[in-house]
PDB file of all heavy atoms in Angstrom:
ATOM      1  N   ARG A   1      -0.170  -6.866  -2.414  1.00  0.00           N
ATOM      2  CA  ARG A   1      -1.496  -6.783  -3.045  1.00  0.00           C
ATOM      3  C   ARG A   1      -2.409  -7.902  -2.545  1.00  0.00           C
ATOM      4  O   ARG A   1      -3.595  -7.690  -2.287  1.00  0.00           O
ATOM      5  CB  ARG A   1      -1.376  -6.815  -4.559  1.00  0.00           C
ATOM      6  CG  ARG A   1      -0.820  -5.524  -5.135  1.00  0.00           C
ATOM      7  CD  ARG A   1      -0.927  -5.486  -6.656  1.00  0.00           C
ATOM      8  NE  ARG A   1      -0.259  -4.325  -7.196  1.00  0.00           N
ATOM      9  CZ  ARG A   1      -0.778  -3.101  -7.236  1.00  0.00           C
ATOM     10  NH1 ARG A   1      -1.984  -2.881  -6.747  1.00  0.00           N
ATOM     11  NH2 ARG A   1      -0.099  -2.096  -7.767  1.00  0.00           N
ATOM     12  N   LEU A   2      -1.845  -9.094  -2.403  1.00  0.00           N
ATOM     13  CA  LEU A   2      -2.634 -10.204  -1.861  1.00  0.00           C
ATOM     14  C   LEU A   2      -3.085  -9.908  -0.432  1.00  0.00           C
ATOM     15  O   LEU A   2      -4.242 -10.149  -0.071  1.00  0.00           O
ATOM     16  CB  LEU A   2      -1.817 -11.499  -1.882  1.00  0.00           C
ATOM     17  CG  LEU A   2      -1.549 -12.115  -3.248  1.00  0.00           C
ATOM     18  CD1 LEU A   2      -0.573 -13.282  -3.123  1.00  0.00           C
ATOM     19  CD2 LEU A   2      -2.843 -12.574  -3.884  1.00  0.00           C
ATOM     20  N   LEU A   3      -2.172  -9.369   0.365  1.00  0.00           N
ATOM     21  CA  LEU A   3      -2.485  -9.108   1.768  1.00  0.00           C
ATOM     22  C   LEU A   3      -3.451  -7.940   1.946  1.00  0.00           C
ATOM     23  O   LEU A   3      -4.270  -7.957   2.867  1.00  0.00           O
ATOM     24  CB  LEU A   3      -1.201  -8.882   2.569  1.00  0.00           C
ATOM     25  CG  LEU A   3      -0.332 -10.129   2.742  1.00  0.00           C
ATOM     26  CD1 LEU A   3       1.000  -9.783   3.378  1.00  0.00           C
ATOM     27  CD2 LEU A   3      -1.069 -11.183   3.563  1.00  0.00           C
ATOM     28  N   THR A   4      -3.380  -6.932   1.068  1.00  0.00           N
ATOM     29  CA  THR A   4      -4.357  -5.848   1.176  1.00  0.00           C
ATOM     30  C   THR A   4      -5.755  -6.344   0.810  1.00  0.00           C
ATOM     31  O   THR A   4      -6.740  -5.817   1.312  1.00  0.00           O
ATOM     32  CB  THR A   4      -3.978  -4.625   0.314  1.00  0.00           C
ATOM     33  OG1 THR A   4      -3.853  -5.022  -1.052  1.00  0.00           O
ATOM     34  CG2 THR A   4      -2.715  -3.956   0.814  1.00  0.00           C
ATOM     35  N   GLY A   5      -5.821  -7.344  -0.050  1.00  0.00           N
ATOM     36  CA  GLY A   5      -7.112  -7.960  -0.351  1.00  0.00           C
ATOM     37  C   GLY A   5      -7.631  -8.787   0.803  1.00  0.00           C
ATOM     38  O   GLY A   5      -8.827  -8.774   1.119  1.00  0.00           O
ATOM     39  N   LYS A   6      -6.729  -9.499   1.453  1.00  0.00           N
ATOM     40  CA  LYS A   6      -7.093 -10.350   2.584  1.00  0.00           C
ATOM     41  C   LYS A   6      -7.371  -9.540   3.842  1.00  0.00           C
ATOM     42  O   LYS A   6      -8.256  -9.873   4.623  1.00  0.00           O
ATOM     43  CB  LYS A   6      -5.957 -11.349   2.835  1.00  0.00           C
ATOM     44  CG  LYS A   6      -6.240 -12.388   3.881  1.00  0.00           C
ATOM     45  CD  LYS A   6      -5.098 -13.387   3.967  1.00  0.00           C
ATOM     46  CE  LYS A   6      -5.346 -14.443   5.017  1.00  0.00           C
ATOM     47  NZ  LYS A   6      -4.222 -15.397   5.111  1.00  0.00           N
ATOM     48  N   TYR A   7      -6.579  -8.494   4.042  1.00  0.00           N
ATOM     49  CA  TYR A   7      -6.690  -7.631   5.222  1.00  0.00           C
ATOM     50  C   TYR A   7      -6.818  -6.172   4.781  1.00  0.00           C
ATOM     51  O   TYR A   7      -5.877  -5.390   4.908  1.00  0.00           O
ATOM     52  CB  TYR A   7      -5.452  -7.765   6.113  1.00  0.00           C
ATOM     53  CG  TYR A   7      -5.085  -9.167   6.521  1.00  0.00           C
ATOM     54  CD1 TYR A   7      -3.993  -9.811   5.948  1.00  0.00           C
ATOM     55  CD2 TYR A   7      -5.808  -9.845   7.491  1.00  0.00           C
ATOM     56  CE1 TYR A   7      -3.632 -11.090   6.335  1.00  0.00           C
ATOM     57  CE2 TYR A   7      -5.468 -11.129   7.879  1.00  0.00           C
ATOM     58  CZ  TYR A   7      -4.373 -11.747   7.296  1.00  0.00           C
ATOM     59  OH  TYR A   7      -4.017 -13.011   7.681  1.00  0.00           O
ATOM     60  N   PRO A   8      -7.962  -5.776   4.253  1.00  0.00           N
ATOM     61  CA  PRO A   8      -8.097  -4.424   3.693  1.00  0.00           C
ATOM     62  C   PRO A   8      -7.923  -3.289   4.709  1.00  0.00           C
ATOM     63  O   PRO A   8      -7.680  -2.158   4.311  1.00  0.00           O
ATOM     64  CB  PRO A   8      -9.496  -4.418   3.086  1.00  0.00           C
ATOM     65  CG  PRO A   8     -10.219  -5.535   3.757  1.00  0.00           C
ATOM     66  CD  PRO A   8      -9.181  -6.551   4.128  1.00  0.00           C
ATOM     67  N   GLU A   9      -8.017  -3.582   5.978  1.00  0.00           N
ATOM     68  CA  GLU A   9      -7.845  -2.554   7.007  1.00  0.00           C
ATOM     69  C   GLU A   9      -6.477  -2.616   7.673  1.00  0.00           C
ATOM     70  O   GLU A   9      -6.261  -1.975   8.706  1.00  0.00           O
ATOM     71  CB  GLU A   9      -8.955  -2.675   8.060  1.00  0.00           C
ATOM     72  CG  GLU A   9     -10.358  -2.500   7.489  1.00  0.00           C
ATOM     73  CD  GLU A   9     -10.555  -1.180   6.751  1.00  0.00           C
ATOM     74  OE1 GLU A   9     -10.195  -0.126   7.306  1.00  0.00           O
ATOM     75  OE2 GLU A   9     -11.062  -1.205   5.604  1.00  0.00           O
ATOM     76  N   SER A  10      -5.549  -3.359   7.086  1.00  0.00           N
ATOM     77  CA  SER A  10      -4.202  -3.468   7.636  1.00  0.00           C
ATOM     78  C   SER A  10      -3.319  -2.351   7.096  1.00  0.00           C
ATOM     79  O   SER A  10      -2.928  -2.355   5.930  1.00  0.00           O
ATOM     80  CB  SER A  10      -3.576  -4.825   7.282  1.00  0.00           C
ATOM     81  OG  SER A  10      -2.203  -4.822   7.630  1.00  0.00           O
ATOM     82  N   GLY A  11      -2.992  -1.417   7.956  1.00  0.00           N
ATOM     83  CA  GLY A  11      -2.099  -0.336   7.562  1.00  0.00           C
ATOM     84  C   GLY A  11      -0.737  -0.851   7.137  1.00  0.00           C
ATOM     85  O   GLY A  11      -0.122  -0.315   6.216  1.00  0.00           O
ATOM     86  N   MET A  12      -0.279  -1.912   7.783  1.00  0.00           N
ATOM     87  CA  MET A  12       1.034  -2.463   7.458  1.00  0.00           C
ATOM     88  C   MET A  12       1.056  -3.045   6.043  1.00  0.00           C
ATOM     89  O   MET A  12       2.042  -2.882   5.317  1.00  0.00           O
ATOM     90  CB  MET A  12       1.434  -3.529   8.474  1.00  0.00           C
ATOM     91  CG  MET A  12       2.819  -4.047   8.319  1.00  0.00           C
ATOM     92  SD  MET A  12       4.016  -2.711   8.516  1.00  0.00           S
ATOM     93  CE  MET A  12       5.495  -3.536   8.031  1.00  0.00           C
ATOM     94  N   ALA A  13      -0.005  -3.710   5.641  1.00  0.00           N
ATOM     95  CA  ALA A  13      -0.067  -4.267   4.287  1.00  0.00           C
ATOM     96  C   ALA A  13      -0.043  -3.146   3.254  1.00  0.00           C
ATOM     97  O   ALA A  13       0.673  -3.218   2.249  1.00  0.00           O
ATOM     98  CB  ALA A  13      -1.317  -5.127   4.114  1.00  0.00           C
ATOM     99  N   TRP A  14      -0.805  -2.086   3.504  1.00  0.00           N
ATOM    100  CA  TRP A  14      -0.831  -0.941   2.593  1.00  0.00           C
ATOM    101  C   TRP A  14       0.502  -0.206   2.588  1.00  0.00           C
ATOM    102  O   TRP A  14       0.948   0.284   1.550  1.00  0.00           O
ATOM    103  CB  TRP A  14      -1.979  -0.002   2.954  1.00  0.00           C
ATOM    104  CG  TRP A  14      -3.300  -0.569   2.543  1.00  0.00           C
ATOM    105  CD1 TRP A  14      -4.208  -1.205   3.347  1.00  0.00           C
ATOM    106  CD2 TRP A  14      -3.847  -0.588   1.238  1.00  0.00           C
ATOM    107  NE1 TRP A  14      -5.295  -1.609   2.603  1.00  0.00           N
ATOM    108  CE2 TRP A  14      -5.097  -1.243   1.301  1.00  0.00           C
ATOM    109  CE3 TRP A  14      -3.412  -0.106   0.000  1.00  0.00           C
ATOM    110  CZ2 TRP A  14      -5.908  -1.425   0.186  1.00  0.00           C
ATOM    111  CZ3 TRP A  14      -4.224  -0.291  -1.107  1.00  0.00           C
ATOM    112  CH2 TRP A  14      -5.454  -0.947  -1.015  1.00  0.00           C
ATOM    113  N   LYS A  15       1.135  -0.126   3.748  1.00  0.00           N
ATOM    114  CA  LYS A  15       2.446   0.536   3.841  1.00  0.00           C
ATOM    115  C   LYS A  15       3.477  -0.225   3.013  1.00  0.00           C
ATOM    116  O   LYS A  15       4.282   0.377   2.290  1.00  0.00           O
ATOM    117  CB  LYS A  15       2.879   0.616   5.307  1.00  0.00           C
ATOM    118  CG  LYS A  15       4.129   1.406   5.541  1.00  0.00           C
ATOM    119  CD  LYS A  15       4.378   1.598   7.032  1.00  0.00           C
ATOM    120  CE  LYS A  15       5.598   2.454   7.249  1.00  0.00           C
ATOM    121  NZ  LYS A  15       5.695   2.926   8.638  1.00  0.00           N
ATOM    122  N   ALA A  16       3.438  -1.551   3.081  1.00  0.00           N
ATOM    123  CA  ALA A  16       4.361  -2.365   2.293  1.00  0.00           C
ATOM    124  C   ALA A  16       4.093  -2.195   0.800  1.00  0.00           C
ATOM    125  O   ALA A  16       5.030  -2.099  -0.003  1.00  0.00           O
ATOM    126  CB  ALA A  16       4.245  -3.832   2.706  1.00  0.00           C
ATOM    127  N   LEU A  17       2.820  -2.149   0.430  1.00  0.00           N
ATOM    128  CA  LEU A  17       2.485  -1.950  -0.974  1.00  0.00           C
ATOM    129  C   LEU A  17       2.991  -0.595  -1.457  1.00  0.00           C
ATOM    130  O   LEU A  17       3.611  -0.501  -2.515  1.00  0.00           O
ATOM    131  CB  LEU A  17       0.970  -2.066  -1.197  1.00  0.00           C
ATOM    132  CG  LEU A  17       0.490  -1.805  -2.624  1.00  0.00           C
ATOM    133  CD1 LEU A  17       1.150  -2.756  -3.622  1.00  0.00           C
ATOM    134  CD2 LEU A  17      -1.032  -1.896  -2.695  1.00  0.00           C
ATOM    135  N   ALA A  18       2.744   0.436  -0.677  1.00  0.00           N
ATOM    136  CA  ALA A  18       3.204   1.774  -1.059  1.00  0.00           C
ATOM    137  C   ALA A  18       4.724   1.813  -1.200  1.00  0.00           C
ATOM    138  O   ALA A  18       5.249   2.380  -2.167  1.00  0.00           O
ATOM    139  CB  ALA A  18       2.738   2.806  -0.031  1.00  0.00           C
ATOM    140  N   ALA A  19       5.420   1.195  -0.267  1.00  0.00           N
ATOM    141  CA  ALA A  19       6.890   1.178  -0.325  1.00  0.00           C
ATOM    142  C   ALA A  19       7.373   0.450  -1.571  1.00  0.00           C
ATOM    143  O   ALA A  19       8.293   0.915  -2.256  1.00  0.00           O
ATOM    144  CB  ALA A  19       7.456   0.525   0.932  1.00  0.00           C
ATOM    145  N   SER A  20       6.748  -0.677  -1.879  1.00  0.00           N
ATOM    146  CA  SER A  20       7.182  -1.443  -3.058  1.00  0.00           C
ATOM    147  C   SER A  20       6.953  -0.643  -4.329  1.00  0.00           C
ATOM    148  O   SER A  20       7.790  -0.651  -5.233  1.00  0.00           O
ATOM    149  CB  SER A  20       6.465  -2.789  -3.123  1.00  0.00           C
ATOM    150  OG  SER A  20       5.107  -2.638  -3.459  1.00  0.00           O
ATOM    151  N   LEU A  21       5.834   0.051  -4.402  1.00  0.00           N
ATOM    152  CA  LEU A  21       5.538   0.852  -5.591  1.00  0.00           C
ATOM    153  C   LEU A  21       6.513   2.021  -5.714  1.00  0.00           C
ATOM    154  O   LEU A  21       7.016   2.301  -6.811  1.00  0.00           O
ATOM    155  CB  LEU A  21       4.090   1.357  -5.535  1.00  0.00           C
ATOM    156  CG  LEU A  21       3.012   0.283  -5.633  1.00  0.00           C
ATOM    157  CD1 LEU A  21       1.642   0.878  -5.335  1.00  0.00           C
ATOM    158  CD2 LEU A  21       3.038  -0.402  -6.979  1.00  0.00           C
ATOM    159  N   ARG A  22       6.777   2.699  -4.600  1.00  0.00           N
ATOM    160  CA  ARG A  22       7.691   3.853  -4.630  1.00  0.00           C
ATOM    161  C   ARG A  22       9.076   3.465  -5.114  1.00  0.00           C
ATOM    162  O   ARG A  22       9.642   4.130  -5.972  1.00  0.00           O
ATOM    163  CB  ARG A  22       7.797   4.497  -3.245  1.00  0.00           C
ATOM    164  CG  ARG A  22       6.647   5.389  -2.887  1.00  0.00           C
ATOM    165  CD  ARG A  22       6.917   6.259  -1.659  1.00  0.00           C
ATOM    166  NE  ARG A  22       7.770   5.670  -0.648  1.00  0.00           N
ATOM    167  CZ  ARG A  22       7.352   4.932   0.369  1.00  0.00           C
ATOM    168  NH1 ARG A  22       6.071   4.680   0.536  1.00  0.00           N
ATOM    169  NH2 ARG A  22       8.207   4.442   1.247  1.00  0.00           N
ATOM    170  N   VAL A  23       9.633   2.386  -4.569  1.00  0.00           N
ATOM    171  CA  VAL A  23      11.001   2.017  -4.940  1.00  0.00           C
ATOM    172  C   VAL A  23      11.097   1.514  -6.377  1.00  0.00           C
ATOM    173  O   VAL A  23      12.171   1.544  -6.967  1.00  0.00           O
ATOM    174  CB  VAL A  23      11.639   1.001  -3.963  1.00  0.00           C
ATOM    175  CG1 VAL A  23      11.746   1.575  -2.576  1.00  0.00           C
ATOM    176  CG2 VAL A  23      10.896  -0.312  -3.958  1.00  0.00           C
ATOM    177  N   GLN A  24       9.975   1.077  -6.940  1.00  0.00           N
ATOM    178  CA  GLN A  24       9.957   0.650  -8.336  1.00  0.00           C
ATOM    179  C   GLN A  24       9.633   1.805  -9.289  1.00  0.00           C
ATOM    180  O   GLN A  24       9.579   1.609 -10.495  1.00  0.00           O
ATOM    181  CB  GLN A  24       8.930  -0.467  -8.541  1.00  0.00           C
ATOM    182  CG  GLN A  24       9.270  -1.758  -7.823  1.00  0.00           C
ATOM    183  CD  GLN A  24       8.193  -2.792  -8.061  1.00  0.00           C
ATOM    184  OE1 GLN A  24       8.252  -3.537  -9.042  1.00  0.00           O
ATOM    185  NE2 GLN A  24       7.195  -2.829  -7.188  1.00  0.00           N
ATOM    186  N   GLY A  25       9.400   2.989  -8.731  1.00  0.00           N
ATOM    187  CA  GLY A  25       9.080   4.140  -9.559  1.00  0.00           C
ATOM    188  C   GLY A  25       7.661   4.132 -10.093  1.00  0.00           C
ATOM    189  O   GLY A  25       7.355   4.805 -11.079  1.00  0.00           O
ATOM    190  N   LYS A  26       6.791   3.388  -9.459  1.00  0.00           N
ATOM    191  CA  LYS A  26       5.397   3.295  -9.876  1.00  0.00           C
ATOM    192  C   LYS A  26       4.542   4.276  -9.065  1.00  0.00           C
ATOM    193  O   LYS A  26       4.968   4.781  -8.027  1.00  0.00           O
ATOM    194  CB  LYS A  26       4.868   1.875  -9.669  1.00  0.00           C
ATOM    195  CG  LYS A  26       5.566   0.828 -10.534  1.00  0.00           C
ATOM    196  CD  LYS A  26       4.972  -0.537 -10.297  1.00  0.00           C
ATOM    197  CE  LYS A  26       5.624  -1.593 -11.183  1.00  0.00           C
ATOM    198  NZ  LYS A  26       5.021  -2.926 -10.943  1.00  0.00           N
ATOM    199  N   ASP A  27       3.340   4.515  -9.533  1.00  0.00           N
ATOM    200  CA  ASP A  27       2.410   5.417  -8.861  1.00  0.00           C
ATOM    201  C   ASP A  27       1.924   4.784  -7.558  1.00  0.00           C
ATOM    202  O   ASP A  27       1.211   3.783  -7.578  1.00  0.00           O
ATOM    203  CB  ASP A  27       1.234   5.723  -9.783  1.00  0.00           C
ATOM    204  CG  ASP A  27       0.228   6.683  -9.165  1.00  0.00           C
ATOM    205  OD1 ASP A  27       0.529   7.306  -8.124  1.00  0.00           O
ATOM    206  OD2 ASP A  27      -0.864   6.814  -9.740  1.00  0.00           O
ATOM    207  N   ALA A  28       2.283   5.394  -6.445  1.00  0.00           N
ATOM    208  CA  ALA A  28       1.914   4.875  -5.127  1.00  0.00           C
ATOM    209  C   ALA A  28       0.857   5.732  -4.445  1.00  0.00           C
ATOM    210  O   ALA A  28       0.529   5.501  -3.287  1.00  0.00           O
ATOM    211  CB  ALA A  28       3.158   4.781  -4.252  1.00  0.00           C
ATOM    212  N   LEU A  29       0.302   6.703  -5.148  1.00  0.00           N
ATOM    213  CA  LEU A  29      -0.593   7.677  -4.533  1.00  0.00           C
ATOM    214  C   LEU A  29      -1.789   7.027  -3.827  1.00  0.00           C
ATOM    215  O   LEU A  29      -2.062   7.335  -2.666  1.00  0.00           O
ATOM    216  CB  LEU A  29      -1.075   8.698  -5.563  1.00  0.00           C
ATOM    217  CG  LEU A  29      -1.930   9.838  -5.013  1.00  0.00           C
ATOM    218  CD1 LEU A  29      -1.186  10.624  -3.947  1.00  0.00           C
ATOM    219  CD2 LEU A  29      -2.369  10.747  -6.147  1.00  0.00           C
ATOM    220  N   ALA A  30      -2.490   6.143  -4.481  1.00  0.00           N
ATOM    221  CA  ALA A  30      -3.676   5.518  -3.870  1.00  0.00           C
ATOM    222  C   ALA A  30      -3.304   4.723  -2.622  1.00  0.00           C
ATOM    223  O   ALA A  30      -4.003   4.789  -1.607  1.00  0.00           O
ATOM    224  CB  ALA A  30      -4.382   4.623  -4.882  1.00  0.00           C
ATOM    225  N   ALA A  31      -2.200   3.985  -2.694  1.00  0.00           N
ATOM    226  CA  ALA A  31      -1.759   3.211  -1.527  1.00  0.00           C
ATOM    227  C   ALA A  31      -1.350   4.134  -0.382  1.00  0.00           C
ATOM    228  O   ALA A  31      -1.664   3.872   0.780  1.00  0.00           O
ATOM    229  CB  ALA A  31      -0.604   2.291  -1.906  1.00  0.00           C
ATOM    230  N   LEU A  32      -0.674   5.218  -0.706  1.00  0.00           N
ATOM    231  CA  LEU A  32      -0.274   6.173   0.326  1.00  0.00           C
ATOM    232  C   LEU A  32      -1.483   6.834   0.981  1.00  0.00           C
ATOM    233  O   LEU A  32      -1.500   7.052   2.197  1.00  0.00           O
ATOM    234  CB  LEU A  32       0.659   7.230  -0.261  1.00  0.00           C
ATOM    235  CG  LEU A  32       2.056   6.744  -0.609  1.00  0.00           C
ATOM    236  CD1 LEU A  32       2.768   7.756  -1.497  1.00  0.00           C
ATOM    237  CD2 LEU A  32       2.849   6.470   0.652  1.00  0.00           C
ATOM    238  N   GLN A  33      -2.482   7.146   0.191  1.00  0.00           N
ATOM    239  CA  GLN A  33      -3.698   7.733   0.756  1.00  0.00           C
ATOM    240  C   GLN A  33      -4.376   6.758   1.708  1.00  0.00           C
ATOM    241  O   GLN A  33      -4.852   7.149   2.772  1.00  0.00           O
ATOM    242  CB  GLN A  33      -4.649   8.154  -0.364  1.00  0.00           C
ATOM    243  CG  GLN A  33      -4.144   9.353  -1.122  1.00  0.00           C
ATOM    244  CD  GLN A  33      -4.954   9.671  -2.363  1.00  0.00           C
ATOM    245  OE1 GLN A  33      -5.474   8.774  -3.023  1.00  0.00           O
ATOM    246  NE2 GLN A  33      -5.054  10.945  -2.686  1.00  0.00           N
ATOM    247  N   LYS A  34      -4.393   5.495   1.337  1.00  0.00           N
ATOM    248  CA  LYS A  34      -5.000   4.471   2.200  1.00  0.00           C
ATOM    249  C   LYS A  34      -4.184   4.322   3.489  1.00  0.00           C
ATOM    250  O   LYS A  34      -4.755   4.239   4.581  1.00  0.00           O
ATOM    251  CB  LYS A  34      -5.086   3.143   1.439  1.00  0.00           C
ATOM    252  CG  LYS A  34      -5.801   2.056   2.172  1.00  0.00           C
ATOM    253  CD  LYS A  34      -7.280   2.304   2.226  1.00  0.00           C
ATOM    254  CE  LYS A  34      -7.991   1.086   2.816  1.00  0.00           C
ATOM    255  NZ  LYS A  34      -9.427   1.259   2.863  1.00  0.00           N
ATOM    256  N   VAL A  35      -2.869   4.300   3.366  1.00  0.00           N
ATOM    257  CA  VAL A  35      -2.005   4.159   4.543  1.00  0.00           C
ATOM    258  C   VAL A  35      -2.250   5.291   5.526  1.00  0.00           C
ATOM    259  O   VAL A  35      -2.385   5.063   6.731  1.00  0.00           O
ATOM    260  CB  VAL A  35      -0.505   4.136   4.152  1.00  0.00           C
ATOM    261  CG1 VAL A  35       0.375   4.245   5.383  1.00  0.00           C
ATOM    262  CG2 VAL A  35      -0.163   2.895   3.385  1.00  0.00           C
ATOM    263  N   THR A  36      -2.293   6.514   5.042  1.00  0.00           N
ATOM    264  CA  THR A  36      -2.452   7.646   5.952  1.00  0.00           C
ATOM    265  C   THR A  36      -3.825   7.653   6.619  1.00  0.00           C
ATOM    266  O   THR A  36      -3.957   8.168   7.726  1.00  0.00           O
ATOM    267  CB  THR A  36      -2.169   8.987   5.253  1.00  0.00           C
ATOM    268  OG1 THR A  36      -3.011   9.119   4.122  1.00  0.00           O
ATOM    269  CG2 THR A  36      -0.714   9.086   4.843  1.00  0.00           C
ATOM    270  N   CYS A  37      -4.820   7.071   5.976  1.00  0.00           N
ATOM    271  CA  CYS A  37      -6.125   6.920   6.627  1.00  0.00           C
ATOM    272  C   CYS A  37      -6.078   5.862   7.727  1.00  0.00           C
ATOM    273  O   CYS A  37      -6.657   6.043   8.790  1.00  0.00           O
ATOM    274  CB  CYS A  37      -7.193   6.545   5.606  1.00  0.00           C
ATOM    275  SG  CYS A  37      -7.654   7.892   4.518  1.00  0.00           S
TER     276      CYS A  37
END
């Protein structure tokens, strides 16, 4: 979350956020949409 704020156009930061949310069973939809863009 810190890195997506610092680097909002970093696909890797968003990918890590999405992965962390998925494995915790949290809603990762917004992060996944950003990653695919």
